[in-house]
């Protein structure tokens, strides 16, 4: 693989993901569960894990606290990730997934992270900016913790505007709405079709609809490039190099969990290697297709990513 620019992923609200199974999930009774599997969770963490899987390098900046944070740090180091540790204002959260073997249904319990305070934002932004290397990329992915109001990413953008690094944000909810309405453009803004339709206030059934909506956000100054993930129909990007669509591979979906983070990993790694944006879109689509073939806590497989990328179909819209 060729060289690449530095990539820093940021996870302010990580989780220790615990997964187990029981014969049946029913109320009131004590449920005898399997030995739990523990995995590091959080959008930026997953992006770094997927970058490593497909042959790239990144540094994962993670806010950690308490004994759970220490356990999570140990898991990240055991996975071979380069870790920069931020001090979280409390104990790192846990999440629990329980599979009901009788029905095959999975129940997912997601706890809130520790409450942050506005006084901590400036120091956190300064730490991210200091860790961001010239010519590199910063990836903000996953939910922000309680207490961090929408607008955090715009403040970070201002701090990075000297060209130190480019910023990719994969956001949802209030954070996404704030970014979409901002005149401080991030470099790349990614969302899925449901989020795009909610912002647009209308259905976006066609690839051209998604591309037109993304191009509108670029014109409005929300981002320099906007990506809309269309699930089984692949992904669309609009930006300075026009609008492009990359096909998703026709695969059997085992779990969609981690597909978005795998897409971001493939896309940002390709951009860090200096590839054209349409090829980055295709590598992201290949990584997402590979990810949906694996169970929930797993990400993409390197060989699958290479195969799907070799079969890529890219169209200018």
Protein backbone atom coordinates (compact mmCIF):
# COMPACT_ATOMS: atom_id res chain seq x y z
CA UNK A 1 0.00 0.00 0.00
CA UNK A 2 1.18 3.52 -0.74
CA UNK A 3 1.90 6.16 1.87
CA UNK A 4 -0.82 8.24 3.41
CA UNK A 5 -1.39 11.51 5.24
CA UNK A 6 -2.01 11.28 9.01
CA UNK A 7 -5.53 10.44 10.21
CA UNK A 8 -6.79 11.32 13.70
CA UNK A 9 -10.14 9.86 14.78
CA UNK A 10 -11.93 11.46 17.74
CA UNK A 11 -14.34 9.63 20.07
CA UNK A 12 -15.71 11.74 22.91
CA UNK A 13 -18.45 9.30 23.93
CA UNK A 14 -16.93 5.80 23.69
CA UNK A 15 -18.47 2.68 25.20
CA UNK A 16 -17.41 -0.71 26.38
CA UNK A 17 -19.74 -2.87 24.29
CA UNK A 18 -20.84 -6.07 26.00
CA UNK A 19 -22.62 -8.76 23.97
CA UNK A 20 -24.23 -11.94 25.25
CA UNK A 21 -27.13 -14.32 24.57
CA UNK A 22 -29.91 -16.03 26.52
CA UNK A 23 -32.34 -18.83 25.65
CA UNK A 24 -35.18 -16.31 25.78
CA UNK A 25 -35.54 -12.69 26.89
CA UNK A 26 -38.62 -12.51 29.11
CA UNK A 27 -39.70 -10.19 31.95
CA UNK A 28 -39.27 -10.76 35.69
CA UNK A 29 -37.12 -13.90 35.55
CA UNK A 30 -33.36 -14.04 36.09
CA UNK A 31 -31.91 -14.63 32.62
CA UNK A 32 -28.92 -16.96 32.51
CA UNK A 33 -26.64 -15.48 29.88
CA UNK A 34 -23.54 -16.61 28.01
CA UNK A 35 -20.13 -15.27 28.96
CA UNK A 36 -20.15 -11.71 27.59
CA UNK A 37 -17.91 -10.60 24.77
CA UNK A 38 -16.31 -7.18 25.32
CA UNK A 39 -15.45 -4.86 22.44
CA UNK A 40 -14.40 -1.22 22.23
CA UNK A 41 -17.28 0.87 20.86
CA UNK A 42 -17.76 4.36 19.50
CA UNK A 43 -17.77 5.84 16.00
CA UNK A 44 -14.19 7.13 15.88
CA UNK A 45 -12.85 3.96 17.49
CA UNK A 46 -14.62 1.84 14.87
CA UNK A 47 -13.22 4.03 12.08
CA UNK A 48 -9.69 3.49 13.40
CA UNK A 49 -10.29 -0.25 13.76
CA UNK A 50 -11.54 -0.47 10.16
CA UNK A 51 -8.64 1.65 8.84
CA UNK A 52 -6.23 -0.83 10.42
CA UNK A 53 -8.13 -3.79 8.93
CA UNK A 54 -7.85 -2.42 5.39
CA UNK A 55 -4.18 -1.63 5.67
CA UNK A 56 -4.00 1.97 6.81
CA UNK A 57 -2.81 3.80 9.89
CA UNK A 58 -4.53 6.21 12.23
CA UNK A 59 -4.39 7.58 15.76
CA UNK A 60 -7.49 7.19 17.92
CA UNK A 61 -8.08 10.05 20.35
CA UNK A 62 -10.54 8.77 22.95
CA UNK A 63 -12.03 10.39 26.06
CA UNK A 64 -11.80 7.81 28.84
CA UNK A 65 -12.62 7.75 32.53
CA UNK A 66 -12.65 5.37 35.49
CA UNK A 67 -12.10 1.63 35.58
CA UNK A 68 -14.23 1.07 32.47
CA UNK A 69 -12.09 3.61 30.61
CA UNK A 70 -8.93 1.75 31.66
CA UNK A 71 -10.40 -1.53 30.42
CA UNK A 72 -11.36 0.09 27.15
CA UNK A 73 -7.85 1.52 26.72
CA UNK A 74 -6.39 -1.97 27.27
CA UNK A 75 -8.68 -3.38 24.56
CA UNK A 76 -7.63 -0.66 22.12
CA UNK A 77 -3.94 -1.28 22.76
CA UNK A 78 -4.47 -5.04 22.42
CA UNK A 79 -6.07 -4.36 19.04
CA UNK A 80 -2.89 -2.62 17.95
CA UNK A 81 -4.35 0.88 17.73
CA UNK A 82 -2.33 4.01 18.41
CA UNK A 83 -4.16 5.68 21.31
CA UNK A 84 -4.22 9.28 22.51
CA UNK A 85 -6.13 9.50 25.77
CA UNK A 86 -8.34 12.43 26.77
CA UNK A 87 -9.64 12.60 30.34
CA UNK A 88 -13.42 12.23 30.42
CA UNK A 89 -15.39 13.94 33.22
CA UNK A 90 -16.65 10.62 34.56
CA UNK A 91 -16.79 6.86 34.16
CA UNK A 92 -16.80 5.59 30.57
CA UNK A 93 -20.22 4.20 29.67
CA UNK A 94 -21.13 0.62 28.82
CA UNK A 95 -23.66 -0.77 26.37
CA UNK A 96 -25.26 -4.20 26.39
CA UNK A 97 -26.57 -6.32 23.51
CA UNK A 98 -28.54 -9.47 24.40
CA UNK A 99 -29.58 -11.94 21.72
CA UNK A 100 -32.73 -13.99 22.29
CA UNK A 101 -31.80 -17.40 20.86
CA UNK A 102 -35.42 -18.49 20.59
CA UNK A 103 -36.37 -15.71 18.19
CA UNK A 104 -33.00 -14.47 16.97
CA UNK A 105 -33.97 -10.96 18.11
CA UNK A 106 -31.29 -8.73 19.57
CA UNK A 107 -32.02 -6.25 22.36
CA UNK A 108 -29.58 -3.33 22.61
CA UNK A 109 -29.28 -1.23 25.77
CA UNK A 110 -27.23 1.96 25.35
CA UNK A 111 -26.24 3.95 28.44
CA UNK A 112 -25.50 7.69 28.45
CA UNK A 113 -21.94 8.85 28.78
CA UNK A 114 -20.68 11.15 31.56
CA UNK A 115 -21.94 14.76 31.51
CA UNK A 116 -19.52 17.27 29.99
CA UNK A 117 -19.42 20.95 30.82
CA UNK A 118 -18.89 23.92 28.52
CA UNK A 119 -15.73 24.77 30.43
CA UNK A 120 -14.13 21.58 29.10
CA UNK A 121 -14.79 22.33 25.43
CA UNK A 122 -11.96 24.78 24.78
CA UNK A 123 -9.37 22.43 26.25
CA UNK A 124 -10.74 19.51 24.24
CA UNK A 125 -10.73 21.50 21.00
CA UNK A 126 -7.17 22.65 21.72
CA UNK A 127 -6.07 19.05 22.34
CA UNK A 128 -7.60 17.88 19.05
CA UNK A 129 -6.03 20.75 17.12
CA UNK A 130 -2.64 20.06 18.69
CA UNK A 131 -2.86 16.36 17.79
CA UNK A 132 -3.99 17.06 14.21
CA UNK A 133 -0.94 16.90 11.98
CA UNK A 134 -0.35 19.21 9.04
CA UNK A 135 -1.84 17.89 5.82
CA UNK A 136 -3.80 15.22 7.65
CA UNK A 137 -7.42 14.40 8.39
CA UNK A 138 -9.52 14.59 11.54
CA UNK A 139 -12.60 12.34 11.75
CA UNK A 140 -15.45 13.16 14.12
CA UNK A 141 -17.82 10.19 14.20
CA UNK A 142 -20.40 8.98 16.66
CA UNK A 143 -22.65 10.70 19.17
CA UNK A 144 -21.40 13.55 21.30
CA UNK A 145 -21.67 13.03 25.08
CA UNK A 146 -24.28 14.77 27.22
CA UNK A 147 -23.46 18.43 27.79
CA UNK A 148 -21.75 19.07 24.45
CA UNK A 149 -24.15 21.29 22.59
CA UNK A 150 -24.53 21.36 18.81
CA UNK A 151 -21.86 23.62 17.35
CA UNK A 152 -18.84 21.77 18.73
CA UNK A 153 -17.78 20.70 15.25
CA UNK A 154 -18.03 24.27 13.94
CA UNK A 155 -15.78 25.48 16.76
CA UNK A 156 -13.29 22.76 15.86
CA UNK A 157 -13.50 23.76 12.19
CA UNK A 158 -12.56 27.34 13.09
CA UNK A 159 -9.60 26.05 15.10
CA UNK A 160 -8.43 23.94 12.15
CA UNK A 161 -9.04 26.62 9.49
CA UNK A 162 -5.34 27.47 9.19
CA UNK A 163 -5.07 24.39 7.00
CA UNK A 164 -3.50 22.23 9.67
CA UNK A 165 -5.89 19.37 8.85
CA UNK A 166 -9.15 18.64 7.06
CA UNK A 167 -12.25 17.63 9.00
CA UNK A 168 -14.71 14.85 8.15
CA UNK A 169 -17.86 14.72 10.29
CA UNK A 170 -20.31 11.81 10.35
CA UNK A 171 -23.14 13.28 12.38
CA UNK A 172 -26.81 12.80 13.18
CA UNK A 173 -29.59 14.44 15.16
CA UNK A 174 -29.12 17.94 16.54
CA UNK A 175 -25.41 18.01 15.64
CA UNK A 176 -26.23 17.27 12.00
CA UNK A 177 -28.96 19.92 11.90
CA UNK A 178 -26.54 22.49 13.30
CA UNK A 179 -23.91 21.58 10.71
CA UNK A 180 -26.40 21.65 7.84
CA UNK A 181 -27.48 25.15 8.81
CA UNK A 182 -23.99 26.50 9.41
CA UNK A 183 -21.97 28.84 7.21
CA UNK A 184 -18.71 27.49 8.64
CA UNK A 185 -18.04 24.60 6.23
CA UNK A 186 -16.49 21.34 7.36
CA UNK A 187 -14.49 19.59 4.65
CA UNK A 188 -16.71 16.50 4.39
CA UNK A 189 -20.14 15.97 5.93
CA UNK A 190 -21.70 12.49 5.81
CA UNK A 191 -25.25 11.37 6.59
CA UNK A 192 -27.63 8.57 5.64
CA UNK A 193 -30.73 8.86 3.46
CA UNK A 194 -33.20 9.06 6.35
CA UNK A 195 -31.23 11.92 7.88
CA UNK A 196 -30.98 13.65 4.49
CA UNK A 197 -34.71 13.31 3.91
CA UNK A 198 -35.45 14.70 7.36
CA UNK A 199 -33.26 17.73 6.61
CA UNK A 200 -34.73 18.16 3.15
CA UNK A 201 -38.30 17.74 4.37
CA UNK A 202 -39.12 15.48 1.41
CA UNK A 203 -38.35 12.00 0.05
CA UNK A 204 -35.14 11.54 -1.94
CA UNK A 205 -35.97 8.37 -3.89
CA UNK A 206 -33.44 8.76 -6.71
CA UNK A 207 -29.67 9.04 -6.71
CA UNK A 208 -30.06 12.33 -8.53
CA UNK A 209 -32.31 13.56 -5.69
CA UNK A 210 -29.66 12.76 -3.11
CA UNK A 211 -26.98 14.38 -5.27
CA UNK A 212 -29.05 17.56 -5.75
CA UNK A 213 -29.71 17.79 -2.01
CA UNK A 214 -26.01 17.27 -1.22
CA UNK A 215 -24.98 19.88 -3.81
CA UNK A 216 -27.44 22.32 -2.21
CA UNK A 217 -25.74 21.93 1.18
CA UNK A 218 -22.39 22.58 -0.51
CA UNK A 219 -23.75 25.74 -2.17
CA UNK A 220 -25.16 26.90 1.17
CA UNK A 221 -21.71 26.61 2.76
CA UNK A 222 -22.39 23.75 5.17
CA UNK A 223 -19.53 21.64 3.79
CA UNK A 224 -17.08 21.49 0.92
CA UNK A 225 -18.30 17.98 0.09
CA UNK A 226 -21.42 16.14 1.26
CA UNK A 227 -21.94 12.37 1.23
CA UNK A 228 -25.37 10.76 1.41
CA UNK A 229 -25.37 7.02 2.14
CA UNK A 230 -28.26 5.29 0.35
CA UNK A 231 -27.99 1.88 1.99
CA UNK A 232 -28.21 -0.97 -0.52
CA UNK A 233 -28.12 1.62 -3.32
CA UNK A 234 -24.59 2.72 -2.45
CA UNK A 235 -23.46 6.28 -1.71
CA UNK A 236 -23.51 9.67 -3.40
CA UNK A 237 -21.03 12.53 -3.00
CA UNK A 238 -21.31 16.11 -4.21
CA UNK A 239 -18.50 18.64 -4.06
CA UNK A 240 -15.91 20.58 -6.04
CA UNK A 241 -15.35 17.63 -8.41
CA UNK A 242 -19.04 17.26 -9.21
CA UNK A 243 -21.45 14.56 -8.08
CA UNK A 244 -20.67 10.84 -8.12
CA UNK A 245 -22.37 7.59 -7.17
CA UNK A 246 -20.67 4.37 -6.08
CA UNK A 247 -22.61 1.10 -6.16
CA UNK A 248 -22.97 -1.10 -3.09
CA UNK A 249 -22.08 -4.75 -3.62
CA UNK A 250 -25.10 -7.11 -3.72
CA UNK A 251 -24.51 -9.06 -0.51
CA UNK A 252 -26.61 -10.77 2.15
CA UNK A 253 -26.94 -8.41 5.10
CA UNK A 254 -26.04 -10.01 8.43
CA UNK A 255 -25.87 -6.74 10.38
CA UNK A 256 -25.77 -3.10 9.27
CA UNK A 257 -24.03 -2.12 12.51
CA UNK A 258 -20.57 -0.72 11.72
CA UNK A 259 -21.24 -0.23 8.01
CA UNK A 260 -21.19 3.56 8.28
CA UNK A 261 -17.95 3.58 10.26
CA UNK A 262 -16.38 1.16 7.78
CA UNK A 263 -17.46 3.44 4.92
CA UNK A 264 -15.84 6.43 6.62
CA UNK A 265 -12.66 4.41 7.17
CA UNK A 266 -12.38 3.47 3.49
CA UNK A 267 -13.25 6.96 2.28
CA UNK A 268 -10.90 8.88 4.55
CA UNK A 269 -8.04 6.41 4.01
CA UNK A 270 -8.35 6.83 0.24
CA UNK A 271 -8.44 10.61 0.60
CA UNK A 272 -5.39 10.48 2.87
CA UNK A 273 -3.63 8.55 0.09
CA UNK A 274 -4.47 11.30 -2.39
CA UNK A 275 -7.00 9.32 -4.43
CA UNK A 276 -9.70 11.11 -6.47
CA UNK A 277 -12.92 11.59 -4.55
CA UNK A 278 -14.85 9.13 -6.73
CA UNK A 279 -12.31 6.38 -5.96
CA UNK A 280 -12.52 7.25 -2.27
CA UNK A 281 -16.29 6.92 -2.52
CA UNK A 282 -15.87 3.50 -4.12
CA UNK A 283 -13.46 2.28 -1.42
CA UNK A 284 -15.89 3.50 1.23
CA UNK A 285 -18.76 1.67 -0.48
CA UNK A 286 -16.65 -1.50 -0.69
CA UNK A 287 -15.83 -1.32 3.03
CA UNK A 288 -19.48 -0.74 3.93
CA UNK A 289 -20.57 -3.70 1.78
CA UNK A 290 -17.99 -5.90 3.49
CA UNK A 291 -19.12 -4.75 6.93
CA UNK A 292 -22.78 -5.72 6.51
CA UNK A 293 -21.68 -9.33 5.92
CA UNK A 294 -20.27 -9.62 9.47
CA UNK A 295 -21.94 -9.85 12.91
CA UNK A 296 -22.71 -6.64 14.77
CA UNK A 297 -19.48 -6.18 16.73
CA UNK A 298 -17.28 -7.05 13.75
CA UNK A 299 -16.33 -4.62 11.01
CA UNK A 300 -15.21 -5.19 7.44
CA UNK A 301 -12.89 -7.96 6.20
CA UNK A 302 -9.83 -6.80 4.26
CA UNK A 303 -10.12 -9.43 1.51
CA UNK A 304 -13.80 -8.63 0.97
CA UNK A 305 -13.00 -4.92 0.74
CA UNK A 306 -10.33 -5.55 -1.90
CA UNK A 307 -12.67 -7.78 -3.89
CA UNK A 308 -15.60 -5.37 -3.84
CA UNK A 309 -13.35 -2.45 -4.71
CA UNK A 310 -11.98 -4.37 -7.70
CA UNK A 311 -15.59 -4.74 -8.90
CA UNK A 312 -16.46 -1.08 -8.28
CA UNK A 313 -18.99 0.77 -10.41
CA UNK A 314 -18.70 4.56 -10.28
CA UNK A 315 -21.01 6.93 -12.15
CA UNK A 316 -20.86 10.69 -12.59
CA UNK A 317 -24.28 12.18 -11.85
